[in-house]
Amino acid sequence: MLKTGTKYIVVDAREFAPGKSSGIGRVLEGLVDALAESDIVREIILPISFCDTVPLLLKNREKIRILETPYSFFKSEKFITNLTKNGASAFISPYPKLPLFGCHCDAIHTVHDVLDLTHPAYRKRYKVFFDGFRLKRALKKAALTWYDSSWSLQETKKYAGSPGNNHKIRFPGVDKSFNTERQNNEENVLKQYELTSEYILVLGNGSPHKNLGGLLEISDQISKEFVFAGVSKKNQGYWKSRHPRATAKWIDHILEEDLPSIIRGAFCLAQPSTAEGYGYPPLEAMSCGVPAVVSNIPVLVETTGGNALKADPNDNREWIQAFEALEKKDIYQNQLKKGLKWVQPLWGRRGWEGHILDVEELVRRSQK
């Protein structure tokens, strides 16, 4: 048990789960790593459902304490509520919600997007009402709401009527493993996934808003192979049934430690989404010295700083033209340089400085 008076931060770490790799997980890993290197508090408590899924970067760290939550949803929520008592300086949620049974300290929650509440493909889910209620309650009760982009802030305001009492836009940092330095085993990593270099890489779970159909429709008009990585078997079936003649390689899961090598082996990265909350893959590609081609939707233009090639998600010709443009060496090198310059302030622990300042302010306030 935690001693009364001990100052610690609780960070909901249930996003770490077997076989799961997500942008939220990468945000969580980078933020906790940066917190552990700061002098804000003596201890960071990570409640997690599966202790063996904690990323290597966070294991055996002096300030980090890992606690396994009960498997049951309601018991898990109650467990986390109890952790916010008796000395907690702050609670941080990587989700747009707070513990179901209340929070007994100042709290920060994170809104990456509200697509699961507003997108036509998802808003008929039975959980929409419940998730919407939790979002609106968190916006009222949290001491701070983090947004990944101004777009996600505006979309939340449209949905909930308010962006929260106190809110800030903070671009998440990019892990330092995403860099231009090729490792000695990169060729073996590519072989492990049956890849040869110079493919067009698409990362993501393959949900409808990822808009993979447009790329599948032009797969026979592009000289390079499309590689769709991170798409579940279920979502693969969804796209294959709609585009049975398309040629592409599908990888349902890439190990976290292999992802930088997979990106560095690509000709470019493509993100044809019709909607996003942030968009980690283009930034990770830029950080690896690989150009990105993204949909010209506001959020991706914002988070890439306009430094990626853009194409209309509903116009296949524009995607063909963008890929063909990158075949020209001068354009390719220019995009590479622009991407590296843009992502530099977001790279490594430096990218989390704004988040750390926010937490430090919250902790100081709780100690007065």
Protein backbone atom coordinates (compact mmCIF):
# COMPACT_ATOMS: atom_id res chain seq x y z
CA MET A 1 0.00 0.00 0.00
CA LEU A 2 1.05 3.61 -0.54
CA LYS A 3 1.90 5.62 2.53
CA THR A 4 -0.17 8.69 3.41
CA GLY A 5 1.73 11.85 2.58
CA THR A 6 3.90 10.26 -0.11
CA LYS A 7 3.92 12.48 -3.16
CA TYR A 8 3.40 10.57 -6.38
CA ILE A 9 1.72 10.82 -9.79
CA VAL A 10 -0.69 8.20 -11.07
CA VAL A 11 -0.67 7.61 -14.83
CA ASP A 12 -3.30 5.30 -16.33
CA ALA A 13 -1.21 2.76 -18.27
CA ARG A 14 -3.88 0.27 -19.31
CA GLU A 15 -3.17 1.11 -22.96
CA PHE A 16 -0.22 -1.28 -22.75
CA ALA A 17 -1.76 -4.61 -23.68
CA PRO A 18 -0.65 -7.84 -25.41
CA GLY A 19 -0.29 -7.51 -29.18
CA LYS A 20 -1.40 -3.90 -29.12
CA SER A 21 0.58 -1.07 -30.66
CA SER A 22 -1.09 2.31 -30.82
CA GLY A 23 -0.40 6.02 -31.02
CA ILE A 24 -1.82 6.41 -27.51
CA GLY A 25 0.65 3.81 -26.30
CA ARG A 26 3.53 5.73 -27.87
CA VAL A 27 2.30 8.96 -26.26
CA LEU A 28 2.09 7.20 -22.91
CA GLU A 29 5.58 5.72 -23.18
CA GLY A 30 7.23 9.00 -24.14
CA LEU A 31 5.43 11.02 -21.49
CA VAL A 32 6.19 8.62 -18.64
CA ASP A 33 9.84 8.40 -19.70
CA ALA A 34 10.12 12.20 -19.61
CA LEU A 35 8.35 12.38 -16.23
CA ALA A 36 10.73 9.78 -14.79
CA GLU A 37 13.69 11.96 -15.79
CA SER A 38 12.20 15.07 -14.18
CA ASP A 39 12.37 16.18 -10.55
CA ILE A 40 8.64 16.75 -10.20
CA VAL A 41 7.82 13.89 -7.79
CA ARG A 42 9.53 10.95 -6.13
CA GLU A 43 7.34 8.24 -7.65
CA ILE A 44 5.19 7.52 -10.71
CA ILE A 45 2.53 4.84 -10.28
CA LEU A 46 1.50 2.94 -13.41
CA PRO A 47 -1.70 0.92 -12.99
CA ILE A 48 -1.69 -1.62 -15.82
CA SER A 49 -3.76 -4.66 -16.74
CA PHE A 50 -0.84 -6.82 -17.92
CA CYS A 51 2.48 -6.15 -16.18
CA ASP A 52 4.50 -8.05 -18.78
CA THR A 53 3.44 -5.58 -21.50
CA VAL A 54 5.25 -2.57 -20.00
CA PRO A 55 7.66 -1.19 -22.65
CA LEU A 56 11.34 -1.91 -22.05
CA LEU A 57 12.04 1.81 -21.78
CA LEU A 58 9.92 2.00 -18.63
CA LYS A 59 11.02 -1.20 -16.92
CA ASN A 60 13.35 -1.21 -13.90
CA ARG A 61 13.28 2.57 -13.57
CA GLU A 62 13.93 3.92 -10.09
CA LYS A 63 10.93 6.27 -10.00
CA ILE A 64 8.42 4.02 -11.75
CA ARG A 65 6.24 1.62 -9.78
CA ILE A 66 4.04 -0.80 -11.71
CA LEU A 67 0.81 -2.07 -10.17
CA GLU A 68 -1.42 -4.66 -11.82
CA THR A 69 -5.10 -3.72 -11.88
CA PRO A 70 -7.96 -6.21 -11.50
CA TYR A 71 -9.10 -7.65 -14.83
CA SER A 72 -12.75 -6.62 -14.33
CA PHE A 73 -13.59 -3.21 -15.87
CA PHE A 74 -15.44 -1.86 -12.81
CA LYS A 75 -12.88 -3.23 -10.33
CA SER A 76 -10.10 -1.75 -12.42
CA GLU A 77 -11.78 1.67 -12.42
CA LYS A 78 -12.28 1.49 -8.64
CA PHE A 79 -8.65 0.44 -8.18
CA ILE A 80 -7.44 3.52 -10.05
CA THR A 81 -9.77 5.81 -8.12
CA ASN A 82 -8.29 4.50 -4.86
CA LEU A 83 -4.77 5.23 -6.10
CA THR A 84 -5.65 8.92 -6.38
CA LYS A 85 -6.15 9.13 -2.60
CA ASN A 86 -3.66 9.55 0.24
CA GLY A 87 -0.89 11.64 -1.22
CA ALA A 88 -1.35 11.64 -4.99
CA SER A 89 -0.20 14.93 -6.47
CA ALA A 90 -1.84 14.39 -9.84
CA PHE A 91 -3.56 11.85 -12.07
CA ILE A 92 -2.84 11.70 -15.81
CA SER A 93 -5.12 9.95 -18.27
CA PRO A 94 -4.02 9.32 -21.89
CA TYR A 95 -7.74 9.09 -22.70
CA PRO A 96 -10.55 11.68 -22.89
CA LYS A 97 -11.95 10.48 -19.58
CA LEU A 98 -11.21 10.20 -15.86
CA PRO A 99 -11.69 7.25 -13.44
CA LEU A 100 -15.33 6.19 -13.42
CA PHE A 101 -15.63 6.33 -9.63
CA GLY A 102 -14.01 9.72 -9.23
CA CYS A 103 -10.57 11.26 -8.86
CA HIS A 104 -9.29 12.60 -5.51
CA CYS A 105 -6.50 14.82 -6.85
CA ASP A 106 -5.95 17.26 -9.68
CA ALA A 107 -6.21 15.50 -13.01
CA ILE A 108 -5.13 15.87 -16.62
CA HIS A 109 -6.83 14.00 -19.44
CA THR A 110 -5.95 13.83 -23.12
CA VAL A 111 -8.17 14.29 -26.16
CA HIS A 112 -6.53 12.85 -29.26
CA ASP A 113 -9.76 13.03 -31.27
CA VAL A 114 -13.50 12.47 -30.98
CA LEU A 115 -13.82 10.32 -34.10
CA ASP A 116 -15.33 7.40 -32.21
CA LEU A 117 -18.15 9.74 -31.14
CA THR A 118 -18.73 11.69 -34.35
CA HIS A 119 -17.59 9.66 -37.37
CA PRO A 120 -20.53 8.04 -39.26
CA ALA A 121 -18.78 4.65 -39.21
CA TYR A 122 -18.59 4.56 -35.41
CA ARG A 123 -21.26 6.74 -33.84
CA LYS A 124 -23.89 3.99 -33.87
CA ARG A 125 -21.85 1.90 -31.43
CA TYR A 126 -23.63 1.15 -28.18
CA LYS A 127 -20.74 2.73 -26.21
CA VAL A 128 -21.06 6.17 -27.81
CA PHE A 129 -23.47 7.56 -25.20
CA PHE A 130 -21.36 6.25 -22.31
CA ASP A 131 -18.07 7.50 -23.79
CA GLY A 132 -19.62 10.85 -24.62
CA PHE A 133 -20.82 11.21 -21.04
CA ARG A 134 -17.34 10.44 -19.68
CA LEU A 135 -15.72 12.94 -22.04
CA LYS A 136 -18.09 15.76 -21.06
CA ARG A 137 -17.64 14.98 -17.37
CA ALA A 138 -13.85 14.99 -17.72
CA LEU A 139 -13.94 18.35 -19.52
CA LYS A 140 -15.76 19.82 -16.51
CA LYS A 141 -13.79 18.16 -13.72
CA ALA A 142 -10.20 17.95 -15.01
CA ALA A 143 -7.69 20.58 -13.95
CA LEU A 144 -6.27 20.49 -17.49
CA THR A 145 -7.21 19.05 -20.87
CA TRP A 146 -4.43 18.28 -23.32
CA TYR A 147 -5.22 18.36 -27.04
CA ASP A 148 -2.92 16.87 -29.69
CA SER A 149 -3.93 19.50 -32.23
CA SER A 150 -6.06 22.59 -32.66
CA TRP A 151 -8.26 20.48 -34.95
CA SER A 152 -9.06 18.00 -32.15
CA LEU A 153 -9.82 20.96 -29.86
CA GLN A 154 -12.28 22.48 -32.33
CA GLU A 155 -13.96 19.13 -33.02
CA THR A 156 -14.37 18.51 -29.29
CA LYS A 157 -15.85 21.98 -28.84
CA LYS A 158 -18.38 21.25 -31.60
CA TYR A 159 -19.35 17.96 -30.00
CA ALA A 160 -19.32 18.84 -26.30
CA GLY A 161 -20.04 22.56 -26.44
CA SER A 162 -16.81 23.37 -24.60
CA PRO A 163 -13.11 22.47 -24.87
CA GLY A 164 -12.85 22.33 -21.07
CA ASN A 165 -12.21 24.83 -18.29
CA ASN A 166 -8.44 24.78 -18.84
CA HIS A 167 -6.93 23.44 -22.04
CA LYS A 168 -3.68 23.47 -23.98
CA ILE A 169 -2.55 22.16 -27.36
CA ARG A 170 0.54 20.02 -26.92
CA PHE A 171 2.05 18.11 -29.83
CA PRO A 172 3.30 14.73 -28.51
CA GLY A 173 7.02 14.03 -28.79
CA VAL A 174 8.58 11.53 -31.20
CA ASP A 175 10.66 8.75 -29.68
CA LYS A 176 14.41 9.04 -30.27
CA SER A 177 14.50 5.53 -31.76
CA PHE A 178 13.03 7.12 -34.88
CA ASN A 179 16.20 8.53 -36.41
CA THR A 180 18.27 8.37 -39.57
CA GLU A 181 20.93 5.99 -38.19
CA ARG A 182 20.58 2.58 -39.77
CA GLN A 183 21.27 -0.40 -37.51
CA ASN A 184 23.48 -3.37 -38.39
CA ASN A 185 20.54 -5.80 -38.28
CA GLU A 186 18.12 -3.80 -40.45
CA GLU A 187 18.41 -6.14 -43.41
CA ASN A 188 17.53 -9.08 -41.16
CA VAL A 189 14.56 -7.18 -39.73
CA LEU A 190 13.18 -6.62 -43.23
CA LYS A 191 13.70 -10.28 -44.10
CA GLN A 192 11.81 -11.27 -40.96
CA TYR A 193 8.75 -9.49 -42.36
CA GLU A 194 9.48 -10.66 -45.91
CA LEU A 195 10.17 -7.13 -47.10
CA THR A 196 12.57 -5.68 -49.60
CA SER A 197 13.39 -1.97 -49.51
CA GLU A 198 11.68 0.84 -51.45
CA TYR A 199 8.04 0.05 -50.59
CA ILE A 200 5.31 2.57 -49.77
CA LEU A 201 4.48 2.07 -46.11
CA VAL A 202 1.05 2.67 -44.58
CA LEU A 203 0.76 2.35 -40.80
CA GLY A 204 -2.46 2.08 -38.81
CA ASN A 205 -5.24 -0.23 -37.69
CA GLY A 206 -7.10 -0.07 -41.02
CA SER A 207 -10.36 1.30 -39.61
CA PRO A 208 -12.72 2.87 -42.18
CA HIS A 209 -11.44 6.43 -41.61
CA LYS A 210 -7.93 5.26 -42.53
CA ASN A 211 -9.24 5.23 -46.12
CA LEU A 212 -7.07 2.45 -47.50
CA GLY A 213 -9.39 1.90 -50.45
CA GLY A 214 -8.00 4.75 -52.53
CA LEU A 215 -4.48 3.32 -52.38
CA LEU A 216 -5.70 -0.18 -53.12
CA GLU A 217 -7.47 1.15 -56.23
CA ILE A 218 -4.19 2.51 -57.65
CA SER A 219 -1.95 -0.38 -56.58
CA ASP A 220 -1.62 -1.55 -60.20
CA GLN A 221 -0.62 1.96 -61.34
CA ILE A 222 2.27 2.40 -58.90
CA SER A 223 5.71 0.91 -59.51
CA LYS A 224 6.32 0.33 -55.80
CA GLU A 225 4.52 -2.13 -53.53
CA PHE A 226 2.11 -0.93 -50.86
CA VAL A 227 2.78 -2.38 -47.41
CA PHE A 228 -0.08 -2.03 -44.93
CA ALA A 229 1.21 -2.65 -41.41
CA GLY A 230 -0.73 -2.84 -38.17
CA VAL A 231 -4.03 -3.76 -39.82
CA SER A 232 -5.99 -6.39 -37.90
CA LYS A 233 -7.15 -9.55 -39.66
CA LYS A 234 -10.73 -8.33 -39.39
CA ASN A 235 -9.95 -5.00 -41.06
CA GLN A 236 -7.82 -6.72 -43.68
CA GLY A 237 -10.88 -8.74 -44.60
CA TYR A 238 -12.93 -5.55 -44.83
CA TRP A 239 -10.60 -3.98 -47.40
CA LYS A 240 -9.76 -7.15 -49.33
CA SER A 241 -13.44 -7.90 -49.87
CA ARG A 242 -13.93 -4.46 -51.41
CA HIS A 243 -10.78 -4.55 -53.53
CA PRO A 244 -10.21 -8.23 -54.39
CA ARG A 245 -7.92 -7.50 -57.34
CA ALA A 246 -5.59 -5.10 -55.53
CA THR A 247 -2.01 -6.16 -54.91
CA ALA A 248 -0.42 -5.26 -51.58
CA LYS A 249 1.40 -6.78 -48.64
CA TRP A 250 -0.40 -6.97 -45.29
CA ILE A 251 1.31 -7.21 -41.90
CA ASP A 252 -1.03 -7.43 -38.94
CA HIS A 253 1.58 -6.59 -36.28
CA ILE A 254 5.08 -5.14 -36.13
CA LEU A 255 7.15 -5.39 -32.96
CA GLU A 256 7.76 -1.99 -31.40
CA GLU A 257 11.52 -2.35 -31.59
CA ASP A 258 11.32 -3.20 -35.33
CA LEU A 259 9.19 -0.25 -36.40
CA PRO A 260 12.02 2.29 -36.96
CA SER A 261 13.82 -0.20 -39.22
CA ILE A 262 10.62 -0.90 -41.17
CA ILE A 263 10.14 2.84 -41.69
CA ARG A 264 13.76 3.42 -42.75
CA GLY A 265 13.39 0.64 -45.32
CA ALA A 266 10.49 2.43 -47.02
CA PHE A 267 10.59 4.66 -50.09
CA CYS A 268 8.00 6.87 -48.41
CA LEU A 269 5.13 6.74 -45.95
CA ALA A 270 1.52 7.37 -46.94
CA GLN A 271 -1.38 8.39 -44.71
CA PRO A 272 -4.57 8.66 -46.78
CA SER A 273 -6.94 9.15 -43.81
CA THR A 274 -10.18 11.09 -44.17
CA ALA A 275 -9.95 12.02 -40.47
CA GLU A 276 -7.32 11.87 -37.70
CA GLY A 277 -6.67 13.33 -34.27
CA TYR A 278 -2.92 13.76 -34.64
CA GLY A 279 -1.07 11.43 -36.97
CA TYR A 280 2.10 9.92 -35.53
CA PRO A 281 3.33 7.92 -38.58
CA PRO A 282 4.21 10.91 -40.81
CA LEU A 283 6.28 12.47 -38.01
CA GLU A 284 8.02 9.18 -37.24
CA ALA A 285 8.82 8.80 -40.94
CA MET A 286 10.17 12.35 -41.16
CA SER A 287 12.34 11.67 -38.12
CA CYS A 288 13.78 8.62 -39.92
CA GLY A 289 14.58 10.66 -43.02
CA VAL A 290 11.69 9.21 -45.02
CA PRO A 291 9.30 11.58 -46.86
CA ALA A 292 5.59 11.42 -46.12
CA VAL A 293 2.54 11.85 -48.32
CA VAL A 294 -0.59 12.74 -46.35
CA SER A 295 -4.21 13.62 -46.95
CA ASN A 296 -4.76 17.34 -47.24
CA ILE A 297 -7.12 17.31 -44.25
CA PRO A 298 -6.54 20.18 -41.75
CA VAL A 299 -5.18 18.08 -38.89
CA LEU A 300 -2.46 16.37 -40.94
CA VAL A 301 -1.44 19.64 -42.56
CA GLU A 302 -1.23 21.15 -39.05
CA THR A 303 0.75 18.41 -37.33
CA THR A 304 3.23 18.02 -40.21
CA GLY A 305 3.61 21.79 -40.49
CA GLY A 306 2.82 21.57 -44.20
CA ASN A 307 6.14 19.75 -44.70
CA ALA A 308 4.68 16.57 -46.20
CA LEU A 309 3.44 16.19 -49.74
CA LYS A 310 -0.35 16.46 -49.76
CA ALA A 311 -3.10 14.78 -51.76
CA ASP A 312 -6.88 14.84 -51.72
CA PRO A 313 -8.09 11.65 -49.95
CA ASN A 314 -10.88 11.41 -52.54
CA ASP A 315 -8.75 11.96 -55.65
CA ASN A 316 -6.63 8.97 -56.64
CA ARG A 317 -4.84 10.95 -59.36
CA GLU A 318 -3.30 13.27 -56.78
CA TRP A 319 -1.81 10.31 -54.90
CA ILE A 320 -0.30 8.92 -58.09
CA GLN A 321 1.18 12.34 -58.87
CA ALA A 322 2.64 12.67 -55.37
CA PHE A 323 4.34 9.27 -55.52
CA GLU A 324 5.67 10.03 -59.00
CA ALA A 325 7.02 13.39 -57.80
CA LEU A 326 9.09 11.63 -55.15
CA GLU A 327 10.77 9.60 -57.88
CA LYS A 328 12.62 12.82 -58.75
CA LYS A 329 15.77 12.97 -56.67
CA ASP A 330 15.68 16.73 -56.01
CA ILE A 331 12.08 16.65 -54.79
CA TYR A 332 12.77 13.59 -52.65
CA GLN A 333 15.80 15.20 -50.98
CA ASN A 334 13.95 18.47 -50.42
CA GLN A 335 11.06 16.67 -48.70
CA LEU A 336 13.52 14.69 -46.58
CA LYS A 337 15.26 17.88 -45.36
CA LYS A 338 12.00 19.71 -44.68
CA GLY A 339 10.69 16.79 -42.65
CA LEU A 340 13.82 16.48 -40.51
CA LYS A 341 13.81 20.20 -39.75
CA TRP A 342 10.14 20.19 -38.75
CA VAL A 343 10.34 17.22 -36.42
CA GLN A 344 13.57 18.25 -34.66
CA PRO A 345 11.83 20.18 -31.80
CA LEU A 346 9.55 17.18 -31.20
CA TRP A 347 12.29 14.57 -31.10
CA GLY A 348 13.19 12.68 -27.90
CA ARG A 349 12.57 14.06 -24.41
CA ARG A 350 12.77 17.60 -25.76
CA GLY A 351 9.39 17.01 -27.36
CA TRP A 352 7.77 16.56 -23.95
CA GLU A 353 9.01 19.78 -22.31
CA GLY A 354 5.62 21.49 -22.55
CA HIS A 355 3.83 18.53 -20.99
CA ILE A 356 6.36 18.39 -18.15
CA LEU A 357 5.93 22.10 -17.41
CA ASP A 358 2.16 21.59 -17.21
CA VAL A 359 2.50 18.69 -14.76
CA GLU A 360 5.04 20.61 -12.67
CA GLU A 361 2.62 23.54 -12.37
CA LEU A 362 -0.17 21.19 -11.31
CA VAL A 363 1.98 19.44 -8.69
CA ARG A 364 3.22 22.70 -7.22
CA ARG A 365 -0.33 23.91 -6.90
CA SER A 366 -1.36 20.73 -5.07
CA GLN A 367 1.48 21.14 -2.58
CA LYS A 368 0.52 24.67 -1.51
